[in-house]
Amino acid sequence: ALMEQNGWLAAGSDFPVEHINPLYGFYAAVARMDLEYYPEGGFQMENAITREQALRAMTIWAAKSNFEEHEKGSIEPGKFADFVVLEKDIMQVDVKEVPKVKVLQTFVGGERVY
């Protein structure tokens, strides 16, 4: 698998082919099921990644894939500070709940826009 070969990978939504909601991609990477929980037990679970790997794949590793890890991908002084505040901790809730988690706030460039 790519994760084993490289030690990191980038992930995104593949919109407009797939849903734009990044939580759906996070869920799919970890659970390996669709939003209707199919297939039961997950598809090729040997290719699943952990929640931490999925979060990194959608943040710092995605930025790294574009050579932009010094500007985005993590919350640090001098970076863009684009992030969301979620109603629940996606690292802790039952994995089947992840796609249902709501965004409470959105920040772009450190400014609250939602």
N, C-alpha and C. Protein backbone atom coordinates (compact mmCIF):
# COMPACT_ATOMS: atom_id res chain seq x y z
N ALA A 1 0.84 -1.19 0.00
CA ALA A 1 0.00 0.00 0.00
C ALA A 1 0.88 1.25 0.00
N LEU A 2 0.34 2.31 -0.52
CA LEU A 2 1.07 3.58 -0.63
C LEU A 2 1.55 4.07 0.73
N MET A 3 0.70 3.93 1.74
CA MET A 3 1.07 4.37 3.09
C MET A 3 2.32 3.64 3.57
N GLU A 4 2.36 2.35 3.35
CA GLU A 4 3.52 1.55 3.77
C GLU A 4 4.76 1.91 2.96
N GLN A 5 4.59 2.15 1.68
CA GLN A 5 5.72 2.44 0.80
C GLN A 5 6.34 3.79 1.09
N ASN A 6 5.51 4.83 1.25
CA ASN A 6 6.02 6.19 1.39
C ASN A 6 6.05 6.71 2.82
N GLY A 7 5.25 6.13 3.71
CA GLY A 7 5.18 6.62 5.07
C GLY A 7 4.22 7.78 5.24
N TRP A 8 3.63 8.25 4.15
CA TRP A 8 2.62 9.31 4.18
C TRP A 8 1.86 9.29 2.86
N LEU A 9 0.68 9.91 2.87
CA LEU A 9 -0.10 10.04 1.65
C LEU A 9 -1.01 11.25 1.78
N ALA A 10 -1.46 11.74 0.65
CA ALA A 10 -2.38 12.88 0.63
C ALA A 10 -3.78 12.38 0.32
N ALA A 11 -4.77 13.03 0.89
CA ALA A 11 -6.17 12.66 0.65
C ALA A 11 -7.00 13.92 0.45
N GLY A 12 -8.05 13.78 -0.33
CA GLY A 12 -8.97 14.89 -0.57
C GLY A 12 -10.32 14.35 -0.99
N SER A 13 -11.21 15.24 -1.39
CA SER A 13 -12.59 14.83 -1.66
C SER A 13 -12.83 14.31 -3.07
N ASP A 14 -12.00 14.64 -4.04
CA ASP A 14 -12.19 14.27 -5.44
C ASP A 14 -13.49 14.84 -6.01
N PHE A 15 -13.94 15.97 -5.43
CA PHE A 15 -15.13 16.66 -5.92
C PHE A 15 -14.87 17.14 -7.35
N PRO A 16 -15.78 17.06 -8.29
CA PRO A 16 -17.21 16.78 -8.19
C PRO A 16 -17.59 15.31 -8.38
N VAL A 17 -16.62 14.43 -8.50
CA VAL A 17 -16.92 13.01 -8.68
C VAL A 17 -17.48 12.41 -7.39
N GLU A 18 -16.95 12.83 -6.27
CA GLU A 18 -17.38 12.36 -4.95
C GLU A 18 -17.97 13.53 -4.17
N HIS A 19 -18.50 13.23 -3.00
CA HIS A 19 -19.02 14.28 -2.12
C HIS A 19 -17.92 15.27 -1.77
N ILE A 20 -18.27 16.54 -1.62
CA ILE A 20 -17.29 17.56 -1.27
C ILE A 20 -16.94 17.53 0.22
N ASN A 21 -17.82 16.98 1.04
CA ASN A 21 -17.62 16.97 2.49
C ASN A 21 -16.39 16.14 2.84
N PRO A 22 -15.34 16.75 3.40
CA PRO A 22 -14.12 16.00 3.72
C PRO A 22 -14.32 14.96 4.82
N LEU A 23 -15.36 15.11 5.63
CA LEU A 23 -15.62 14.10 6.65
C LEU A 23 -16.02 12.76 6.03
N TYR A 24 -16.64 12.80 4.86
CA TYR A 24 -16.98 11.56 4.17
C TYR A 24 -15.72 10.83 3.73
N GLY A 25 -14.75 11.57 3.24
CA GLY A 25 -13.47 10.97 2.84
C GLY A 25 -12.71 10.42 4.02
N PHE A 26 -12.72 11.16 5.13
CA PHE A 26 -12.08 10.70 6.36
C PHE A 26 -12.69 9.37 6.79
N TYR A 27 -14.02 9.34 6.82
CA TYR A 27 -14.76 8.13 7.19
C TYR A 27 -14.41 6.96 6.26
N ALA A 28 -14.43 7.20 4.96
CA ALA A 28 -14.16 6.14 3.99
C ALA A 28 -12.74 5.59 4.14
N ALA A 29 -11.79 6.45 4.42
CA ALA A 29 -10.40 6.01 4.57
C ALA A 29 -10.21 5.13 5.79
N VAL A 30 -10.95 5.42 6.84
CA VAL A 30 -10.82 4.68 8.10
C VAL A 30 -11.74 3.46 8.13
N ALA A 31 -13.00 3.64 7.77
CA ALA A 31 -14.00 2.55 7.87
C ALA A 31 -14.05 1.68 6.63
N ARG A 32 -13.66 2.24 5.47
CA ARG A 32 -13.69 1.52 4.20
C ARG A 32 -15.10 1.04 3.86
N MET A 33 -16.10 1.86 4.22
CA MET A 33 -17.50 1.59 3.90
C MET A 33 -18.11 2.85 3.30
N ASP A 34 -19.22 2.66 2.57
CA ASP A 34 -19.93 3.83 2.07
C ASP A 34 -20.85 4.38 3.16
N LEU A 35 -21.61 5.40 2.83
CA LEU A 35 -22.46 6.05 3.82
C LEU A 35 -23.64 5.19 4.26
N GLU A 36 -23.85 4.09 3.57
CA GLU A 36 -24.90 3.14 3.97
C GLU A 36 -24.29 1.92 4.67
N TYR A 37 -23.03 2.06 5.10
CA TYR A 37 -22.28 1.05 5.86
C TYR A 37 -22.06 -0.23 5.06
N TYR A 38 -21.84 -0.08 3.77
CA TYR A 38 -21.57 -1.21 2.89
C TYR A 38 -20.16 -1.12 2.36
N PRO A 39 -19.45 -2.21 2.25
CA PRO A 39 -19.82 -3.54 2.71
C PRO A 39 -19.61 -3.70 4.22
N GLU A 40 -20.39 -4.56 4.80
CA GLU A 40 -20.28 -4.81 6.24
C GLU A 40 -18.85 -5.23 6.56
N GLY A 41 -18.28 -4.62 7.57
CA GLY A 41 -16.91 -4.93 7.96
C GLY A 41 -15.86 -4.16 7.18
N GLY A 42 -16.26 -3.45 6.12
CA GLY A 42 -15.34 -2.63 5.35
C GLY A 42 -14.74 -3.37 4.16
N PHE A 43 -14.38 -2.62 3.13
CA PHE A 43 -13.81 -3.16 1.89
C PHE A 43 -12.29 -3.18 1.99
N GLN A 44 -11.71 -4.34 1.80
CA GLN A 44 -10.24 -4.49 1.84
C GLN A 44 -9.64 -3.72 3.01
N MET A 45 -10.00 -4.14 4.21
CA MET A 45 -9.57 -3.45 5.42
C MET A 45 -8.05 -3.39 5.58
N GLU A 46 -7.34 -4.23 4.86
CA GLU A 46 -5.88 -4.13 4.92
C GLU A 46 -5.39 -2.81 4.33
N ASN A 47 -6.25 -2.12 3.59
CA ASN A 47 -5.90 -0.81 3.03
C ASN A 47 -6.43 0.36 3.84
N ALA A 48 -7.12 0.07 4.94
CA ALA A 48 -7.61 1.14 5.81
C ALA A 48 -6.44 1.85 6.47
N ILE A 49 -6.65 3.10 6.82
CA ILE A 49 -5.64 3.84 7.57
C ILE A 49 -6.25 4.27 8.90
N THR A 50 -5.41 4.64 9.84
CA THR A 50 -5.89 5.05 11.16
C THR A 50 -6.50 6.45 11.07
N ARG A 51 -7.21 6.84 12.11
CA ARG A 51 -7.78 8.19 12.16
C ARG A 51 -6.68 9.25 12.11
N GLU A 52 -5.60 9.00 12.84
CA GLU A 52 -4.50 9.97 12.82
C GLU A 52 -3.91 10.08 11.42
N GLN A 53 -3.71 8.96 10.75
CA GLN A 53 -3.19 8.99 9.38
C GLN A 53 -4.15 9.71 8.44
N ALA A 54 -5.45 9.47 8.61
CA ALA A 54 -6.45 10.14 7.77
C ALA A 54 -6.44 11.65 7.99
N LEU A 55 -6.34 12.06 9.25
CA LEU A 55 -6.29 13.50 9.55
C LEU A 55 -5.04 14.13 8.95
N ARG A 56 -3.91 13.48 9.11
CA ARG A 56 -2.67 13.99 8.52
C ARG A 56 -2.76 14.01 6.99
N ALA A 57 -3.36 12.97 6.41
CA ALA A 57 -3.48 12.89 4.95
C ALA A 57 -4.30 14.03 4.38
N MET A 58 -5.23 14.55 5.18
CA MET A 58 -6.11 15.62 4.72
C MET A 58 -5.61 17.01 5.14
N THR A 59 -4.52 17.05 5.88
CA THR A 59 -4.00 18.34 6.37
C THR A 59 -2.52 18.49 5.99
N ILE A 60 -1.63 18.15 6.89
CA ILE A 60 -0.21 18.42 6.67
C ILE A 60 0.36 17.62 5.50
N TRP A 61 -0.07 16.37 5.33
CA TRP A 61 0.47 15.59 4.21
C TRP A 61 -0.09 16.07 2.88
N ALA A 62 -1.34 16.54 2.86
CA ALA A 62 -1.89 17.12 1.63
C ALA A 62 -1.11 18.37 1.26
N ALA A 63 -0.79 19.19 2.25
CA ALA A 63 0.02 20.38 1.99
C ALA A 63 1.41 19.99 1.50
N LYS A 64 1.99 18.96 2.11
CA LYS A 64 3.31 18.47 1.70
C LYS A 64 3.31 18.02 0.24
N SER A 65 2.21 17.39 -0.19
CA SER A 65 2.13 16.90 -1.57
C SER A 65 2.18 18.04 -2.59
N ASN A 66 1.83 19.25 -2.14
CA ASN A 66 1.89 20.45 -2.99
C ASN A 66 3.08 21.34 -2.65
N PHE A 67 3.98 20.83 -1.82
CA PHE A 67 5.15 21.60 -1.37
C PHE A 67 4.71 22.88 -0.65
N GLU A 68 3.60 22.80 0.10
CA GLU A 68 3.05 23.96 0.80
C GLU A 68 2.98 23.76 2.31
N GLU A 69 3.69 22.79 2.83
CA GLU A 69 3.61 22.50 4.26
C GLU A 69 4.14 23.62 5.15
N HIS A 70 4.85 24.58 4.57
CA HIS A 70 5.33 25.73 5.35
C HIS A 70 4.28 26.83 5.42
N GLU A 71 3.20 26.71 4.63
CA GLU A 71 2.14 27.71 4.59
C GLU A 71 0.83 27.20 5.16
N LYS A 72 0.56 25.91 5.02
CA LYS A 72 -0.73 25.34 5.44
C LYS A 72 -0.56 23.90 5.88
N GLY A 73 -1.67 23.32 6.35
CA GLY A 73 -1.65 21.92 6.73
C GLY A 73 -1.57 21.68 8.23
N SER A 74 -1.22 22.70 8.99
CA SER A 74 -1.19 22.61 10.45
C SER A 74 -1.41 24.01 11.01
N ILE A 75 -1.78 24.06 12.27
CA ILE A 75 -2.03 25.36 12.90
C ILE A 75 -0.77 25.76 13.65
N GLU A 76 -0.05 26.69 13.05
CA GLU A 76 1.21 27.19 13.61
C GLU A 76 1.34 28.67 13.28
N PRO A 77 2.11 29.43 14.07
CA PRO A 77 2.33 30.84 13.74
C PRO A 77 2.89 30.99 12.33
N GLY A 78 2.34 31.93 11.58
CA GLY A 78 2.81 32.22 10.23
C GLY A 78 2.10 31.44 9.14
N LYS A 79 1.25 30.48 9.51
CA LYS A 79 0.50 29.72 8.50
C LYS A 79 -0.88 30.34 8.31
N PHE A 80 -1.60 29.88 7.28
CA PHE A 80 -2.88 30.47 6.89
C PHE A 80 -3.96 30.41 7.95
N ALA A 81 -3.98 29.43 8.79
CA ALA A 81 -5.02 29.25 9.83
C ALA A 81 -6.40 29.08 9.22
N ASP A 82 -6.52 28.16 8.28
CA ASP A 82 -7.81 27.76 7.72
C ASP A 82 -8.20 26.46 8.43
N PHE A 83 -9.30 26.49 9.18
CA PHE A 83 -9.71 25.30 9.92
C PHE A 83 -11.17 25.38 10.31
N VAL A 84 -11.70 24.26 10.78
CA VAL A 84 -13.09 24.21 11.26
C VAL A 84 -13.11 23.73 12.70
N VAL A 85 -14.19 24.09 13.39
CA VAL A 85 -14.47 23.58 14.73
C VAL A 85 -15.68 22.66 14.57
N LEU A 86 -15.53 21.43 15.02
CA LEU A 86 -16.59 20.43 14.86
C LEU A 86 -17.35 20.24 16.17
N GLU A 87 -18.59 19.77 16.05
CA GLU A 87 -19.42 19.54 17.24
C GLU A 87 -18.96 18.35 18.06
N LYS A 88 -18.26 17.41 17.44
CA LYS A 88 -17.77 16.22 18.13
C LYS A 88 -16.34 15.94 17.69
N ASP A 89 -15.62 15.20 18.51
CA ASP A 89 -14.23 14.83 18.23
C ASP A 89 -14.21 13.62 17.30
N ILE A 90 -13.87 13.83 16.04
CA ILE A 90 -13.87 12.74 15.07
C ILE A 90 -12.79 11.70 15.35
N MET A 91 -11.89 12.01 16.24
CA MET A 91 -10.86 11.05 16.62
C MET A 91 -11.37 10.08 17.69
N GLN A 92 -12.53 10.41 18.29
CA GLN A 92 -13.04 9.62 19.41
C GLN A 92 -14.41 8.99 19.18
N VAL A 93 -15.29 9.64 18.41
CA VAL A 93 -16.65 9.11 18.23
C VAL A 93 -16.63 7.79 17.47
N ASP A 94 -17.71 7.04 17.58
CA ASP A 94 -17.86 5.83 16.77
C ASP A 94 -17.64 6.21 15.31
N VAL A 95 -16.88 5.43 14.58
CA VAL A 95 -16.51 5.79 13.21
C VAL A 95 -17.74 6.01 12.33
N LYS A 96 -18.83 5.29 12.59
CA LYS A 96 -20.04 5.47 11.79
C LYS A 96 -20.71 6.82 12.03
N GLU A 97 -20.33 7.52 13.09
CA GLU A 97 -20.88 8.84 13.40
C GLU A 97 -20.12 9.96 12.68
N VAL A 98 -18.92 9.68 12.22
CA VAL A 98 -18.08 10.72 11.62
C VAL A 98 -18.78 11.49 10.49
N PRO A 99 -19.43 10.83 9.53
CA PRO A 99 -20.07 11.60 8.45
C PRO A 99 -21.22 12.50 8.92
N LYS A 100 -21.73 12.25 10.11
CA LYS A 100 -22.86 13.03 10.63
C LYS A 100 -22.43 14.23 11.47
N VAL A 101 -21.15 14.33 11.77
CA VAL A 101 -20.64 15.42 12.61
C VAL A 101 -20.83 16.75 11.89
N LYS A 102 -21.31 17.73 12.62
CA LYS A 102 -21.60 19.06 12.06
C LYS A 102 -20.43 20.02 12.30
N VAL A 103 -20.26 20.93 11.37
CA VAL A 103 -19.28 22.01 11.52
C VAL A 103 -19.95 23.13 12.32
N LEU A 104 -19.31 23.56 13.40
CA LEU A 104 -19.83 24.66 14.22
C LEU A 104 -19.28 26.01 13.78
N GLN A 105 -18.02 26.03 13.39
CA GLN A 105 -17.36 27.27 12.98
C GLN A 105 -16.35 26.97 11.88
N THR A 106 -16.14 27.95 11.00
CA THR A 106 -15.12 27.86 9.96
C THR A 106 -14.26 29.11 10.02
N PHE A 107 -12.95 28.92 9.99
CA PHE A 107 -12.00 30.02 10.00
C PHE A 107 -11.18 29.98 8.71
N VAL A 108 -11.01 31.12 8.09
CA VAL A 108 -10.19 31.26 6.89
C VAL A 108 -9.21 32.39 7.17
N GLY A 109 -7.93 32.09 7.06
CA GLY A 109 -6.92 33.09 7.37
C GLY A 109 -7.01 33.60 8.79
N GLY A 110 -7.46 32.73 9.69
CA GLY A 110 -7.58 33.10 11.09
C GLY A 110 -8.83 33.88 11.44
N GLU A 111 -9.65 34.21 10.44
CA GLU A 111 -10.88 34.98 10.66
C GLU A 111 -12.08 34.04 10.59
N ARG A 112 -12.98 34.21 11.55
CA ARG A 112 -14.20 33.39 11.55
C ARG A 112 -15.12 33.84 10.43
N VAL A 113 -15.47 32.90 9.54
CA VAL A 113 -16.36 33.22 8.42
C VAL A 113 -17.69 32.48 8.52
N TYR A 114 -17.79 31.53 9.45
CA TYR A 114 -19.05 30.81 9.67
C TYR A 114 -19.12 30.38 11.11
